[in-house]
Amino acid sequence: MQEVQQRVRIARLASAADGVWPAIRFVMVAAAAVVGFLAVGTMWMSTCAGALGADPVACGPIPNTLRGVGAPVIALTAAGWSFWRAYGARRGGGPLAAWHASGWFLLILAGITLLPGT
């Protein structure tokens, strides 16, 4: 009897873990997109020194604003999607905690990207 209960418990844990991996993959892809955007923006800003810095199309206030706001917008959009998936998981019986945790992680990442650099 104990063996049957143990198998049922393992089957429940395995089915609960099936829905966790998509949430983890989503967080990793979203975080990679945020970090990639920050890296490309940093490399782009490094070219705005000297004579190239006078170019208003590449180094003006509008491109600088877009580079500064892009990473938080990506993270906030991904966090909103994670919370939306958590809402759907609650209604459908999926892994609510995984999507909720991914949403909070991405929300914190958005807050970190809004901090001013030194």
PDB file of N, CA and C in Angstrom:
ATOM      1  N   MET A   1       0.823  -1.197   0.000  1.00  0.00           N
ATOM      2  CA  MET A   1       0.000   0.000   0.000  1.00  0.00           C
ATOM      3  C   MET A   1       0.866   1.259   0.000  1.00  0.00           C
ATOM      4  N   GLN A   2       1.935   1.216   0.793  1.00  0.00           N
ATOM      5  CA  GLN A   2       2.828   2.373   0.830  1.00  0.00           C
ATOM      6  C   GLN A   2       3.487   2.606  -0.515  1.00  0.00           C
ATOM      7  N   GLU A   3       3.787   1.527  -1.214  1.00  0.00           N
ATOM      8  CA  GLU A   3       4.428   1.646  -2.506  1.00  0.00           C
ATOM      9  C   GLU A   3       3.516   2.354  -3.509  1.00  0.00           C
ATOM     10  N   VAL A   4       2.234   2.052  -3.464  1.00  0.00           N
ATOM     11  CA  VAL A   4       1.278   2.685  -4.365  1.00  0.00           C
ATOM     12  C   VAL A   4       1.156   4.171  -4.035  1.00  0.00           C
ATOM     13  N   GLN A   5       1.104   4.496  -2.750  1.00  0.00           N
ATOM     14  CA  GLN A   5       1.014   5.901  -2.349  1.00  0.00           C
ATOM     15  C   GLN A   5       2.265   6.673  -2.771  1.00  0.00           C
ATOM     16  N   GLN A   6       3.411   6.026  -2.653  1.00  0.00           N
ATOM     17  CA  GLN A   6       4.647   6.685  -3.053  1.00  0.00           C
ATOM     18  C   GLN A   6       4.666   6.939  -4.562  1.00  0.00           C
ATOM     19  N   ARG A   7       4.182   5.980  -5.356  1.00  0.00           N
ATOM     20  CA  ARG A   7       4.128   6.170  -6.803  1.00  0.00           C
ATOM     21  C   ARG A   7       3.166   7.288  -7.181  1.00  0.00           C
ATOM     22  N   VAL A   8       2.041   7.370  -6.492  1.00  0.00           N
ATOM     23  CA  VAL A   8       1.082   8.444  -6.753  1.00  0.00           C
ATOM     24  C   VAL A   8       1.702   9.790  -6.406  1.00  0.00           C
ATOM     25  N   ARG A   9       2.420   9.839  -5.308  1.00  0.00           N
ATOM     26  CA  ARG A   9       3.076  11.090  -4.895  1.00  0.00           C
ATOM     27  C   ARG A   9       4.130  11.512  -5.914  1.00  0.00           C
ATOM     28  N   ILE A  10       4.922  10.584  -6.408  1.00  0.00           N
ATOM     29  CA  ILE A  10       5.944  10.884  -7.407  1.00  0.00           C
ATOM     30  C   ILE A  10       5.281  11.343  -8.705  1.00  0.00           C
ATOM     31  N   ALA A  11       4.174  10.716  -9.079  1.00  0.00           N
ATOM     32  CA  ALA A  11       3.468  11.118 -10.298  1.00  0.00           C
ATOM     33  C   ALA A  11       2.918  12.534 -10.163  1.00  0.00           C
ATOM     34  N   ARG A  12       2.410  12.885  -8.984  1.00  0.00           N
ATOM     35  CA  ARG A  12       1.913  14.250  -8.760  1.00  0.00           C
ATOM     36  C   ARG A  12       3.039  15.268  -8.850  1.00  0.00           C
ATOM     37  N   LEU A  13       4.179  14.967  -8.242  1.00  0.00           N
ATOM     38  CA  LEU A  13       5.313  15.879  -8.284  1.00  0.00           C
ATOM     39  C   LEU A  13       5.830  16.046  -9.715  1.00  0.00           C
ATOM     40  N   ALA A  14       5.863  14.958 -10.466  1.00  0.00           N
ATOM     41  CA  ALA A  14       6.334  15.033 -11.849  1.00  0.00           C
ATOM     42  C   ALA A  14       5.385  15.858 -12.699  1.00  0.00           C
ATOM     43  N   SER A  15       4.080  15.703 -12.501  1.00  0.00           N
ATOM     44  CA  SER A  15       3.136  16.486 -13.294  1.00  0.00           C
ATOM     45  C   SER A  15       3.173  17.950 -12.898  1.00  0.00           C
ATOM     46  N   ALA A  16       3.443  18.255 -11.627  1.00  0.00           N
ATOM     47  CA  ALA A  16       3.561  19.653 -11.200  1.00  0.00           C
ATOM     48  C   ALA A  16       4.827  20.281 -11.763  1.00  0.00           C
ATOM     49  N   ALA A  17       5.890  19.510 -11.872  1.00  0.00           N
ATOM     50  CA  ALA A  17       7.148  20.043 -12.389  1.00  0.00           C
ATOM     51  C   ALA A  17       7.089  20.259 -13.894  1.00  0.00           C
ATOM     52  N   ASP A  18       6.174  19.599 -14.595  1.00  0.00           N
ATOM     53  CA  ASP A  18       6.072  19.773 -16.047  1.00  0.00           C
ATOM     54  C   ASP A  18       5.744  21.213 -16.422  1.00  0.00           C
ATOM     55  N   GLY A  19       4.925  21.877 -15.643  1.00  0.00           N
ATOM     56  CA  GLY A  19       4.543  23.238 -15.964  1.00  0.00           C
ATOM     57  C   GLY A  19       5.523  24.283 -15.475  1.00  0.00           C
ATOM     58  N   VAL A  20       6.505  23.882 -14.692  1.00  0.00           N
ATOM     59  CA  VAL A  20       7.467  24.831 -14.149  1.00  0.00           C
ATOM     60  C   VAL A  20       8.523  25.186 -15.193  1.00  0.00           C
ATOM     61  N   TRP A  21       8.917  24.235 -15.996  1.00  0.00           N
ATOM     62  CA  TRP A  21       9.998  24.475 -16.958  1.00  0.00           C
ATOM     63  C   TRP A  21       9.664  25.535 -17.994  1.00  0.00           C
ATOM     64  N   PRO A  22       8.426  25.616 -18.508  1.00  0.00           N
ATOM     65  CA  PRO A  22       8.137  26.726 -19.429  1.00  0.00           C
ATOM     66  C   PRO A  22       8.286  28.099 -18.768  1.00  0.00           C
ATOM     67  N   ALA A  23       7.938  28.207 -17.504  1.00  0.00           N
ATOM     68  CA  ALA A  23       8.102  29.477 -16.790  1.00  0.00           C
ATOM     69  C   ALA A  23       9.585  29.813 -16.628  1.00  0.00           C
ATOM     70  N   ILE A  24      10.386  28.815 -16.317  1.00  0.00           N
ATOM     71  CA  ILE A  24      11.826  29.048 -16.160  1.00  0.00           C
ATOM     72  C   ILE A  24      12.451  29.448 -17.499  1.00  0.00           C
ATOM     73  N   ARG A  25      12.060  28.752 -18.573  1.00  0.00           N
ATOM     74  CA  ARG A  25      12.576  29.096 -19.898  1.00  0.00           C
ATOM     75  C   ARG A  25      12.182  30.524 -20.286  1.00  0.00           C
ATOM     76  N   PHE A  26      10.944  30.890 -19.983  1.00  0.00           N
ATOM     77  CA  PHE A  26      10.479  32.229 -20.324  1.00  0.00           C
ATOM     78  C   PHE A  26      11.285  33.296 -19.588  1.00  0.00           C
ATOM     79  N   VAL A  27      11.548  33.077 -18.313  1.00  0.00           N
ATOM     80  CA  VAL A  27      12.331  34.043 -17.540  1.00  0.00           C
ATOM     81  C   VAL A  27      13.742  34.146 -18.096  1.00  0.00           C
ATOM     82  N   MET A  28      14.342  33.026 -18.438  1.00  0.00           N
ATOM     83  CA  MET A  28      15.705  33.058 -18.959  1.00  0.00           C
ATOM     84  C   MET A  28      15.767  33.802 -20.296  1.00  0.00           C
ATOM     85  N   VAL A  29      14.801  33.582 -21.173  1.00  0.00           N
ATOM     86  CA  VAL A  29      14.790  34.258 -22.472  1.00  0.00           C
ATOM     87  C   VAL A  29      14.550  35.755 -22.283  1.00  0.00           C
ATOM     88  N   ALA A  30      13.603  36.113 -21.400  1.00  0.00           N
ATOM     89  CA  ALA A  30      13.317  37.533 -21.163  1.00  0.00           C
ATOM     90  C   ALA A  30      14.512  38.235 -20.529  1.00  0.00           C
ATOM     91  N   ALA A  31      15.148  37.593 -19.558  1.00  0.00           N
ATOM     92  CA  ALA A  31      16.324  38.197 -18.930  1.00  0.00           C
ATOM     93  C   ALA A  31      17.472  38.322 -19.933  1.00  0.00           C
ATOM     94  N   ALA A  32      17.627  37.350 -20.807  1.00  0.00           N
ATOM     95  CA  ALA A  32      18.666  37.439 -21.842  1.00  0.00           C
ATOM     96  C   ALA A  32      18.365  38.582 -22.807  1.00  0.00           C
ATOM     97  N   ALA A  33      17.089  38.802 -23.124  1.00  0.00           N
ATOM     98  CA  ALA A  33      16.726  39.919 -24.000  1.00  0.00           C
ATOM     99  C   ALA A  33      17.041  41.253 -23.331  1.00  0.00           C
ATOM    100  N   VAL A  34      16.761  41.359 -22.039  1.00  0.00           N
ATOM    101  CA  VAL A  34      17.055  42.601 -21.311  1.00  0.00           C
ATOM    102  C   VAL A  34      18.559  42.845 -21.262  1.00  0.00           C
ATOM    103  N   VAL A  35      19.315  41.828 -20.903  1.00  0.00           N
ATOM    104  CA  VAL A  35      20.777  41.981 -20.813  1.00  0.00           C
ATOM    105  C   VAL A  35      21.365  42.251 -22.194  1.00  0.00           C
ATOM    106  N   GLY A  36      20.858  41.592 -23.215  1.00  0.00           N
ATOM    107  CA  GLY A  36      21.334  41.844 -24.575  1.00  0.00           C
ATOM    108  C   GLY A  36      21.046  43.275 -25.021  1.00  0.00           C
ATOM    109  N   PHE A  37      19.859  43.772 -24.691  1.00  0.00           N
ATOM    110  CA  PHE A  37      19.529  45.154 -25.032  1.00  0.00           C
ATOM    111  C   PHE A  37      20.465  46.126 -24.320  1.00  0.00           C
ATOM    112  N   LEU A  38      20.733  45.846 -23.038  1.00  0.00           N
ATOM    113  CA  LEU A  38      21.653  46.708 -22.293  1.00  0.00           C
ATOM    114  C   LEU A  38      23.068  46.660 -22.879  1.00  0.00           C
ATOM    115  N   ALA A  39      23.513  45.480 -23.283  1.00  0.00           N
ATOM    116  CA  ALA A  39      24.865  45.342 -23.851  1.00  0.00           C
ATOM    117  C   ALA A  39      24.977  46.081 -25.177  1.00  0.00           C
ATOM    118  N   VAL A  40      23.980  45.919 -26.040  1.00  0.00           N
ATOM    119  CA  VAL A  40      24.014  46.612 -27.329  1.00  0.00           C
ATOM    120  C   VAL A  40      23.937  48.122 -27.115  1.00  0.00           C
ATOM    121  N   GLY A  41      23.100  48.570 -26.189  1.00  0.00           N
ATOM    122  CA  GLY A  41      23.008  49.993 -25.895  1.00  0.00           C
ATOM    123  C   GLY A  41      24.305  50.562 -25.345  1.00  0.00           C
ATOM    124  N   THR A  42      24.980  49.787 -24.513  1.00  0.00           N
ATOM    125  CA  THR A  42      26.263  50.234 -23.970  1.00  0.00           C
ATOM    126  C   THR A  42      27.320  50.328 -25.061  1.00  0.00           C
ATOM    127  N   MET A  43      27.365  49.345 -25.945  1.00  0.00           N
ATOM    128  CA  MET A  43      28.327  49.406 -27.050  1.00  0.00           C
ATOM    129  C   MET A  43      28.013  50.574 -27.977  1.00  0.00           C
ATOM    130  N   TRP A  44      26.740  50.831 -28.196  1.00  0.00           N
ATOM    131  CA  TRP A  44      26.337  51.934 -29.050  1.00  0.00           C
ATOM    132  C   TRP A  44      26.752  53.268 -28.433  1.00  0.00           C
ATOM    133  N   MET A  45      26.576  53.402 -27.123  1.00  0.00           N
ATOM    134  CA  MET A  45      26.942  54.645 -26.441  1.00  0.00           C
ATOM    135  C   MET A  45      28.461  54.853 -26.441  1.00  0.00           C
ATOM    136  N   SER A  46      29.218  53.787 -26.497  1.00  0.00           N
ATOM    137  CA  SER A  46      30.674  53.945 -26.507  1.00  0.00           C
ATOM    138  C   SER A  46      31.166  54.563 -27.809  1.00  0.00           C
ATOM    139  N   THR A  47      30.347  54.513 -28.867  1.00  0.00           N
ATOM    140  CA  THR A  47      30.733  55.128 -30.139  1.00  0.00           C
ATOM    141  C   THR A  47      30.377  56.610 -30.197  1.00  0.00           C
ATOM    142  N   CYS A  48      29.716  57.125 -29.161  1.00  0.00           N
ATOM    143  CA  CYS A  48      29.273  58.526 -29.160  1.00  0.00           C
ATOM    144  C   CYS A  48      30.312  59.458 -28.560  1.00  0.00           C
ATOM    145  N   ALA A  49      31.563  59.117 -28.631  1.00  0.00           N
ATOM    146  CA  ALA A  49      32.624  59.982 -28.114  1.00  0.00           C
ATOM    147  C   ALA A  49      33.360  60.626 -29.280  1.00  0.00           C
ATOM    148  N   GLY A  50      33.882  61.781 -29.049  1.00  0.00           N
ATOM    149  CA  GLY A  50      34.691  62.456 -30.064  1.00  0.00           C
ATOM    150  C   GLY A  50      33.850  63.039 -31.174  1.00  0.00           C
ATOM    151  N   ALA A  51      34.332  62.896 -32.404  1.00  0.00           N
ATOM    152  CA  ALA A  51      33.655  63.487 -33.559  1.00  0.00           C
ATOM    153  C   ALA A  51      32.329  62.801 -33.854  1.00  0.00           C
ATOM    154  N   LEU A  52      32.223  61.525 -33.538  1.00  0.00           N
ATOM    155  CA  LEU A  52      30.970  60.812 -33.789  1.00  0.00           C
ATOM    156  C   LEU A  52      29.875  61.224 -32.823  1.00  0.00           C
ATOM    157  N   GLY A  53      30.217  61.815 -31.703  1.00  0.00           N
ATOM    158  CA  GLY A  53      29.231  62.217 -30.708  1.00  0.00           C
ATOM    159  C   GLY A  53      28.367  63.373 -31.157  1.00  0.00           C
ATOM    160  N   ALA A  54      28.737  64.060 -32.216  1.00  0.00           N
ATOM    161  CA  ALA A  54      27.950  65.183 -32.712  1.00  0.00           C
ATOM    162  C   ALA A  54      26.790  64.738 -33.590  1.00  0.00           C
ATOM    163  N   ASP A  55      26.707  63.470 -33.908  1.00  0.00           N
ATOM    164  CA  ASP A  55      25.637  62.958 -34.760  1.00  0.00           C
ATOM    165  C   ASP A  55      24.328  62.905 -33.969  1.00  0.00           C
ATOM    166  N   PRO A  56      23.339  63.729 -34.300  1.00  0.00           N
ATOM    167  CA  PRO A  56      22.100  63.740 -33.519  1.00  0.00           C
ATOM    168  C   PRO A  56      21.218  62.531 -33.769  1.00  0.00           C
ATOM    169  N   VAL A  57      21.405  61.848 -34.892  1.00  0.00           N
ATOM    170  CA  VAL A  57      20.576  60.685 -35.185  1.00  0.00           C
ATOM    171  C   VAL A  57      20.992  59.492 -34.330  1.00  0.00           C
ATOM    172  N   ALA A  58      22.275  59.304 -34.125  1.00  0.00           N
ATOM    173  CA  ALA A  58      22.765  58.154 -33.363  1.00  0.00           C
ATOM    174  C   ALA A  58      23.017  58.471 -31.904  1.00  0.00           C
ATOM    175  N   CYS A  59      23.334  59.711 -31.575  1.00  0.00           N
ATOM    176  CA  CYS A  59      23.734  60.047 -30.214  1.00  0.00           C
ATOM    177  C   CYS A  59      22.932  61.199 -29.623  1.00  0.00           C
ATOM    178  N   GLY A  60      21.804  61.529 -30.219  1.00  0.00           N
ATOM    179  CA  GLY A  60      20.995  62.631 -29.735  1.00  0.00           C
ATOM    180  C   GLY A  60      20.154  62.248 -28.527  1.00  0.00           C
ATOM    181  N   PRO A  61      19.307  63.157 -28.071  1.00  0.00           N
ATOM    182  CA  PRO A  61      18.500  62.885 -26.886  1.00  0.00           C
ATOM    183  C   PRO A  61      17.432  61.807 -27.097  1.00  0.00           C
ATOM    184  N   ILE A  62      16.869  61.725 -28.278  1.00  0.00           N
ATOM    185  CA  ILE A  62      15.829  60.715 -28.511  1.00  0.00           C
ATOM    186  C   ILE A  62      16.413  59.301 -28.498  1.00  0.00           C
ATOM    187  N   PRO A  63      17.511  59.013 -29.218  1.00  0.00           N
ATOM    188  CA  PRO A  63      18.097  57.668 -29.117  1.00  0.00           C
ATOM    189  C   PRO A  63      18.576  57.338 -27.708  1.00  0.00           C
ATOM    190  N   ASN A  64      19.113  58.327 -27.000  1.00  0.00           N
ATOM    191  CA  ASN A  64      19.545  58.066 -25.624  1.00  0.00           C
ATOM    192  C   ASN A  64      18.366  57.710 -24.732  1.00  0.00           C
ATOM    193  N   THR A  65      17.253  58.385 -24.913  1.00  0.00           N
ATOM    194  CA  THR A  65      16.054  58.079 -24.130  1.00  0.00           C
ATOM    195  C   THR A  65      15.536  56.685 -24.457  1.00  0.00           C
ATOM    196  N   LEU A  66      15.508  56.357 -25.733  1.00  0.00           N
ATOM    197  CA  LEU A  66      15.032  55.022 -26.126  1.00  0.00           C
ATOM    198  C   LEU A  66      15.938  53.921 -25.586  1.00  0.00           C
ATOM    199  N   ARG A  67      17.242  54.158 -25.589  1.00  0.00           N
ATOM    200  CA  ARG A  67      18.156  53.158 -25.015  1.00  0.00           C
ATOM    201  C   ARG A  67      17.983  53.051 -23.512  1.00  0.00           C
ATOM    202  N   GLY A  68      17.650  54.146 -22.856  1.00  0.00           N
ATOM    203  CA  GLY A  68      17.472  54.109 -21.411  1.00  0.00           C
ATOM    204  C   GLY A  68      16.161  53.477 -20.975  1.00  0.00           C
ATOM    205  N   VAL A  69      15.152  53.545 -21.823  1.00  0.00           N
ATOM    206  CA  VAL A  69      13.829  53.051 -21.457  1.00  0.00           C
ATOM    207  C   VAL A  69      13.564  51.655 -22.033  1.00  0.00           C
ATOM    208  N   GLY A  70      14.331  51.238 -23.001  1.00  0.00           N
ATOM    209  CA  GLY A  70      14.070  49.973 -23.694  1.00  0.00           C
ATOM    210  C   GLY A  70      14.135  48.745 -22.811  1.00  0.00           C
ATOM    211  N   ALA A  71      15.185  48.613 -22.013  1.00  0.00           N
ATOM    212  CA  ALA A  71      15.338  47.416 -21.172  1.00  0.00           C
ATOM    213  C   ALA A  71      14.235  47.314 -20.118  1.00  0.00           C
ATOM    214  N   PRO A  72      13.880  48.408 -19.402  1.00  0.00           N
ATOM    215  CA  PRO A  72      12.761  48.282 -18.459  1.00  0.00           C
ATOM    216  C   PRO A  72      11.439  47.962 -19.136  1.00  0.00           C
ATOM    217  N   VAL A  73      11.234  48.484 -20.330  1.00  0.00           N
ATOM    218  CA  VAL A  73       9.985  48.180 -21.039  1.00  0.00           C
ATOM    219  C   VAL A  73       9.931  46.696 -21.415  1.00  0.00           C
ATOM    220  N   ILE A  74      11.040  46.146 -21.847  1.00  0.00           N
ATOM    221  CA  ILE A  74      11.087  44.713 -22.170  1.00  0.00           C
ATOM    222  C   ILE A  74      10.790  43.890 -20.914  1.00  0.00           C
ATOM    223  N   ALA A  75      11.427  44.248 -19.790  1.00  0.00           N
ATOM    224  CA  ALA A  75      11.221  43.500 -18.552  1.00  0.00           C
ATOM    225  C   ALA A  75       9.797  43.660 -18.025  1.00  0.00           C
ATOM    226  N   LEU A  76       9.227  44.864 -18.103  1.00  0.00           N
ATOM    227  CA  LEU A  76       7.853  45.077 -17.637  1.00  0.00           C
ATOM    228  C   LEU A  76       6.845  44.337 -18.508  1.00  0.00           C
ATOM    229  N   THR A  77       7.081  44.309 -19.801  1.00  0.00           N
ATOM    230  CA  THR A  77       6.192  43.571 -20.700  1.00  0.00           C
ATOM    231  C   THR A  77       6.244  42.070 -20.395  1.00  0.00           C
ATOM    232  N   ALA A  78       7.440  41.559 -20.187  1.00  0.00           N
ATOM    233  CA  ALA A  78       7.587  40.135 -19.860  1.00  0.00           C
ATOM    234  C   ALA A  78       6.957  39.820 -18.498  1.00  0.00           C
ATOM    235  N   ALA A  79       7.098  40.733 -17.526  1.00  0.00           N
ATOM    236  CA  ALA A  79       6.485  40.524 -16.219  1.00  0.00           C
ATOM    237  C   ALA A  79       4.970  40.516 -16.337  1.00  0.00           C
ATOM    238  N   GLY A  80       4.436  41.428 -17.132  1.00  0.00           N
ATOM    239  CA  GLY A  80       2.988  41.434 -17.347  1.00  0.00           C
ATOM    240  C   GLY A  80       2.498  40.146 -17.978  1.00  0.00           C
ATOM    241  N   TRP A  81       3.269  39.629 -18.939  1.00  0.00           N
ATOM    242  CA  TRP A  81       2.902  38.368 -19.572  1.00  0.00           C
ATOM    243  C   TRP A  81       2.949  37.221 -18.556  1.00  0.00           C
ATOM    244  N   SER A  82       3.948  37.232 -17.676  1.00  0.00           N
ATOM    245  CA  SER A  82       4.054  36.179 -16.666  1.00  0.00           C
ATOM    246  C   SER A  82       2.871  36.229 -15.703  1.00  0.00           C
ATOM    247  N   PHE A  83       2.490  37.436 -15.286  1.00  0.00           N
ATOM    248  CA  PHE A  83       1.337  37.549 -14.397  1.00  0.00           C
ATOM    249  C   PHE A  83       0.049  37.136 -15.110  1.00  0.00           C
ATOM    250  N   TRP A  84      -0.042  37.431 -16.398  1.00  0.00           N
ATOM    251  CA  TRP A  84      -1.202  36.992 -17.169  1.00  0.00           C
ATOM    252  C   TRP A  84      -1.245  35.462 -17.257  1.00  0.00           C
ATOM    253  N   ARG A  85      -0.084  34.855 -17.451  1.00  0.00           N
ATOM    254  CA  ARG A  85      -0.029  33.386 -17.473  1.00  0.00           C
ATOM    255  C   ARG A  85      -0.358  32.797 -16.107  1.00  0.00           C
ATOM    256  N   ALA A  86       0.040  33.488 -15.033  1.00  0.00           N
ATOM    257  CA  ALA A  86      -0.313  33.023 -13.682  1.00  0.00           C
ATOM    258  C   ALA A  86      -1.819  33.066 -13.484  1.00  0.00           C
ATOM    259  N   TYR A  87      -2.451  34.110 -14.008  1.00  0.00           N
ATOM    260  CA  TYR A  87      -3.908  34.199 -13.918  1.00  0.00           C
ATOM    261  C   TYR A  87      -4.558  33.056 -14.690  1.00  0.00           C
ATOM    262  N   GLY A  88      -4.027  32.771 -15.879  1.00  0.00           N
ATOM    263  CA  GLY A  88      -4.554  31.649 -16.663  1.00  0.00           C
ATOM    264  C   GLY A  88      -4.283  30.314 -15.987  1.00  0.00           C
ATOM    265  N   ALA A  89      -3.141  30.191 -15.316  1.00  0.00           N
ATOM    266  CA  ALA A  89      -2.828  28.943 -14.613  1.00  0.00           C
ATOM    267  C   ALA A  89      -3.765  28.753 -13.426  1.00  0.00           C
ATOM    268  N   ARG A  90      -4.140  29.851 -12.795  1.00  0.00           N
ATOM    269  CA  ARG A  90      -5.062  29.738 -11.672  1.00  0.00           C
ATOM    270  C   ARG A  90      -6.420  29.242 -12.144  1.00  0.00           C
ATOM    271  N   ARG A  91      -6.843  29.731 -13.280  1.00  0.00           N
ATOM    272  CA  ARG A  91      -8.142  29.308 -13.805  1.00  0.00           C
ATOM    273  C   ARG A  91      -8.087  27.901 -14.391  1.00  0.00           C
ATOM    274  N   GLY A  92      -6.929  27.525 -14.949  1.00  0.00           N
ATOM    275  CA  GLY A  92      -6.811  26.234 -15.606  1.00  0.00           C
ATOM    276  C   GLY A  92      -6.190  25.146 -14.753  1.00  0.00           C
ATOM    277  N   GLY A  93      -5.741  25.465 -13.559  1.00  0.00           N
ATOM    278  CA  GLY A  93      -5.157  24.467 -12.688  1.00  0.00           C
ATOM    279  C   GLY A  93      -3.684  24.190 -12.951  1.00  0.00           C
ATOM    280  N   GLY A  94      -2.983  25.095 -13.578  1.00  0.00           N
ATOM    281  CA  GLY A  94      -1.568  24.908 -13.863  1.00  0.00           C
ATOM    282  C   GLY A  94      -0.685  25.359 -12.705  1.00  0.00           C
ATOM    283  N   PRO A  95       0.619  25.475 -12.952  1.00  0.00           N
ATOM    284  CA  PRO A  95       1.565  25.870 -11.901  1.00  0.00           C
ATOM    285  C   PRO A  95       1.530  27.380 -11.644  1.00  0.00           C
ATOM    286  N   LEU A  96       0.660  27.793 -10.763  1.00  0.00           N
ATOM    287  CA  LEU A  96       0.478  29.201 -10.457  1.00  0.00           C
ATOM    288  C   LEU A  96       1.735  29.820  -9.869  1.00  0.00           C
ATOM    289  N   ALA A  97       2.387  29.131  -8.957  1.00  0.00           N
ATOM    290  CA  ALA A  97       3.541  29.701  -8.253  1.00  0.00           C
ATOM    291  C   ALA A  97       4.710  29.967  -9.195  1.00  0.00           C
ATOM    292  N   ALA A  98       4.920  29.128 -10.179  1.00  0.00           N
ATOM    293  CA  ALA A  98       6.052  29.312 -11.090  1.00  0.00           C
ATOM    294  C   ALA A  98       5.876  30.582 -11.909  1.00  0.00           C
ATOM    295  N   TRP A  99       4.689  30.799 -12.461  1.00  0.00           N
ATOM    296  CA  TRP A  99       4.462  31.997 -13.264  1.00  0.00           C
ATOM    297  C   TRP A  99       4.424  33.240 -12.396  1.00  0.00           C
ATOM    298  N   HIS A 100       3.906  33.121 -11.191  1.00  0.00           N
ATOM    299  CA  HIS A 100       3.899  34.256 -10.279  1.00  0.00           C
ATOM    300  C   HIS A 100       5.334  34.651  -9.912  1.00  0.00           C
ATOM    301  N   ALA A 101       6.155  33.676  -9.596  1.00  0.00           N
ATOM    302  CA  ALA A 101       7.553  33.948  -9.245  1.00  0.00           C
ATOM    303  C   ALA A 101       8.301  34.551 -10.425  1.00  0.00           C
ATOM    304  N   SER A 102       8.041  34.060 -11.621  1.00  0.00           N
ATOM    305  CA  SER A 102       8.719  34.625 -12.790  1.00  0.00           C
ATOM    306  C   SER A 102       8.291  36.067 -13.012  1.00  0.00           C
ATOM    307  N   GLY A 103       7.025  36.377 -12.783  1.00  0.00           N
ATOM    308  CA  GLY A 103       6.566  37.753 -12.918  1.00  0.00           C
ATOM    309  C   GLY A 103       7.233  38.680 -11.922  1.00  0.00           C
ATOM    310  N   TRP A 104       7.349  38.237 -10.672  1.00  0.00           N
ATOM    311  CA  TRP A 104       8.007  39.080  -9.663  1.00  0.00           C
ATOM    312  C   TRP A 104       9.486  39.259  -9.964  1.00  0.00           C
ATOM    313  N   PHE A 105      10.139  38.199 -10.439  1.00  0.00           N
ATOM    314  CA  PHE A 105      11.554  38.302 -10.790  1.00  0.00           C
ATOM    315  C   PHE A 105      11.763  39.333 -11.905  1.00  0.00           C
ATOM    316  N   LEU A 106      10.916  39.278 -12.917  1.00  0.00           N
ATOM    317  CA  LEU A 106      11.053  40.215 -14.030  1.00  0.00           C
ATOM    318  C   LEU A 106      10.680  41.633 -13.611  1.00  0.00           C
ATOM    319  N   LEU A 107       9.753  41.772 -12.688  1.00  0.00           N
ATOM    320  CA  LEU A 107       9.413  43.094 -12.177  1.00  0.00           C
ATOM    321  C   LEU A 107      10.580  43.696 -11.403  1.00  0.00           C
ATOM    322  N   ILE A 108      11.255  42.877 -10.619  1.00  0.00           N
ATOM    323  CA  ILE A 108      12.450  43.336  -9.900  1.00  0.00           C
ATOM    324  C   ILE A 108      13.564  43.672 -10.888  1.00  0.00           C
ATOM    325  N   LEU A 109      13.706  42.867 -11.935  1.00  0.00           N
ATOM    326  CA  LEU A 109      14.706  43.158 -12.966  1.00  0.00           C
ATOM    327  C   LEU A 109      14.420  44.496 -13.644  1.00  0.00           C
ATOM    328  N   ALA A 110      13.149  44.785 -13.882  1.00  0.00           N
ATOM    329  CA  ALA A 110      12.798  46.087 -14.466  1.00  0.00           C
ATOM    330  C   ALA A 110      13.178  47.216 -13.523  1.00  0.00           C
ATOM    331  N   GLY A 111      12.950  47.040 -12.240  1.00  0.00           N
ATOM    332  CA  GLY A 111      13.346  48.057 -11.272  1.00  0.00           C
ATOM    333  C   GLY A 111      14.850  48.259 -11.214  1.00  0.00           C
ATOM    334  N   ILE A 112      15.588  47.170 -11.323  1.00  0.00           N
ATOM    335  CA  ILE A 112      17.057  47.277 -11.304  1.00  0.00           C
ATOM    336  C   ILE A 112      17.565  48.003 -12.536  1.00  0.00           C
ATOM    337  N   THR A 113      16.956  47.752 -13.680  1.00  0.00           N
ATOM    338  CA  THR A 113      17.411  48.432 -14.897  1.00  0.00           C
ATOM    339  C   THR A 113      17.052  49.914 -14.894  1.00  0.00           C
ATOM    340  N   LEU A 114      16.129  50.321 -14.042  1.00  0.00           N
ATOM    341  CA  LEU A 114      15.785  51.745 -13.948  1.00  0.00           C
ATOM    342  C   LEU A 114      16.732  52.523 -13.038  1.00  0.00           C
ATOM    343  N   LEU A 115      17.572  51.811 -12.278  1.00  0.00           N
ATOM    344  CA  LEU A 115      18.501  52.507 -11.402  1.00  0.00           C
ATOM    345  C   LEU A 115      19.543  53.261 -12.220  1.00  0.00           C
ATOM    346  N   PRO A 116      19.908  54.456 -11.774  1.00  0.00           N
ATOM    347  CA  PRO A 116      20.898  55.209 -12.552  1.00  0.00           C
ATOM    348  C   PRO A 116      22.290  54.589 -12.433  1.00  0.00           C
ATOM    349  N   GLY A 117      23.037  54.655 -13.512  1.00  0.00           N
ATOM    350  CA  GLY A 117      24.410  54.145 -13.516  1.00  0.00           C
ATOM    351  C   GLY A 117      25.365  55.163 -12.917  1.00  0.00           C
ATOM    352  N   THR A 118      26.522  54.699 -12.533  1.00  0.00           N
ATOM    353  CA  THR A 118      27.504  55.620 -11.943  1.00  0.00           C
ATOM    354  C   THR A 118      28.542  56.012 -12.965  1.00  0.00           C
TER     355      THR A 118
END
